[in-house]
């Protein structure tokens, strides 16, 4: 039993499952975004589709890193 001041450690298996579900949801969302954007340009070649996919991944990564940065800053205050 832990003291009232110390929060309990999260279950490692539950944390891993949440991360796996989050990663799966992210992959599905990215697929829908890329599929929708490539639908806007049906004549786009393979290189254009690759560039669209890379741009989407970069934007999502920037949003995630920005959110993590804000959350860490808020916890530090």
Protein backbone atom coordinates (compact mmCIF):
# COMPACT_ATOMS: atom_id res chain seq x y z
CA UNK A 1 0.00 0.00 0.00
CA UNK A 2 1.33 3.45 -0.86
CA UNK A 3 1.13 6.62 1.15
CA UNK A 4 -1.59 9.18 0.28
CA UNK A 5 1.01 11.62 -1.04
CA UNK A 6 2.40 9.20 -3.63
CA UNK A 7 0.22 8.43 -6.66
CA UNK A 8 0.04 4.79 -7.67
CA UNK A 9 2.11 3.73 -10.67
CA UNK A 10 0.00 2.96 -13.74
CA UNK A 11 -0.18 -0.65 -14.82
CA UNK A 12 2.51 -1.19 -17.48
CA UNK A 13 0.29 -3.49 -19.52
CA UNK A 14 -2.55 -0.95 -19.54
CA UNK A 15 -0.15 1.81 -20.57
CA UNK A 16 1.18 -0.34 -23.41
CA UNK A 17 -2.34 -1.18 -24.57
CA UNK A 18 -3.34 2.49 -24.58
CA UNK A 19 -0.27 3.38 -26.64
CA UNK A 20 -0.96 0.56 -29.09
CA UNK A 21 -4.59 1.64 -29.51
CA UNK A 22 -3.51 5.27 -29.93
CA UNK A 23 -0.92 4.29 -32.55
CA UNK A 24 -3.46 2.18 -34.44
CA UNK A 25 -5.99 5.00 -34.42
CA UNK A 26 -3.33 7.41 -35.66
CA UNK A 27 -2.39 5.12 -38.54
CA UNK A 28 -6.04 4.74 -39.57
CA UNK A 29 -6.59 8.51 -39.35
CA UNK A 30 -3.48 9.20 -41.43
CA UNK A 31 -4.65 6.70 -44.04
CA UNK A 32 -8.03 8.46 -44.32
CA UNK A 33 -6.35 11.87 -44.55
CA UNK A 34 -3.92 10.75 -47.25
CA UNK A 35 -6.67 8.91 -49.13
CA UNK A 36 -8.86 12.02 -49.05
CA UNK A 37 -6.08 14.32 -50.17
CA UNK A 38 -5.04 12.01 -53.00
CA UNK A 39 -8.72 11.89 -54.03
CA UNK A 40 -8.54 15.63 -54.61
CA UNK A 41 -5.89 14.98 -57.25
CA UNK A 42 -6.87 11.68 -58.92
CA UNK A 43 -4.27 12.14 -61.64
CA UNK A 44 -1.42 12.41 -59.13
CA UNK A 45 1.41 9.99 -59.65
CA UNK A 46 3.18 7.85 -57.08
CA UNK A 47 5.67 10.60 -56.22
CA UNK A 48 2.89 13.12 -55.59
CA UNK A 49 1.06 10.65 -53.34
CA UNK A 50 4.28 10.02 -51.43
CA UNK A 51 4.79 13.76 -50.96
CA UNK A 52 1.19 14.12 -49.74
CA UNK A 53 1.73 11.30 -47.23
CA UNK A 54 4.99 12.83 -46.00
CA UNK A 55 3.38 16.26 -45.63
CA UNK A 56 0.50 14.80 -43.61
CA UNK A 57 2.89 12.89 -41.33
CA UNK A 58 5.01 16.01 -40.79
CA UNK A 59 1.96 18.13 -39.89
CA UNK A 60 0.60 15.50 -37.50
CA UNK A 61 4.04 15.11 -35.91
CA UNK A 62 4.32 18.87 -35.43
CA UNK A 63 0.88 18.98 -33.78
CA UNK A 64 1.75 16.07 -31.48
CA UNK A 65 5.11 17.55 -30.48
CA UNK A 66 3.52 20.95 -29.87
CA UNK A 67 0.83 19.38 -27.69
CA UNK A 68 3.40 17.40 -25.70
CA UNK A 69 5.47 20.54 -25.22
CA UNK A 70 2.48 22.50 -23.91
CA UNK A 71 1.42 19.68 -21.59
CA UNK A 72 4.93 19.33 -20.15
CA UNK A 73 5.18 23.08 -19.64
CA UNK A 74 1.81 23.12 -17.87
CA UNK A 75 2.87 20.26 -15.57
CA UNK A 76 6.11 22.07 -14.69
CA UNK A 77 4.21 25.19 -13.56
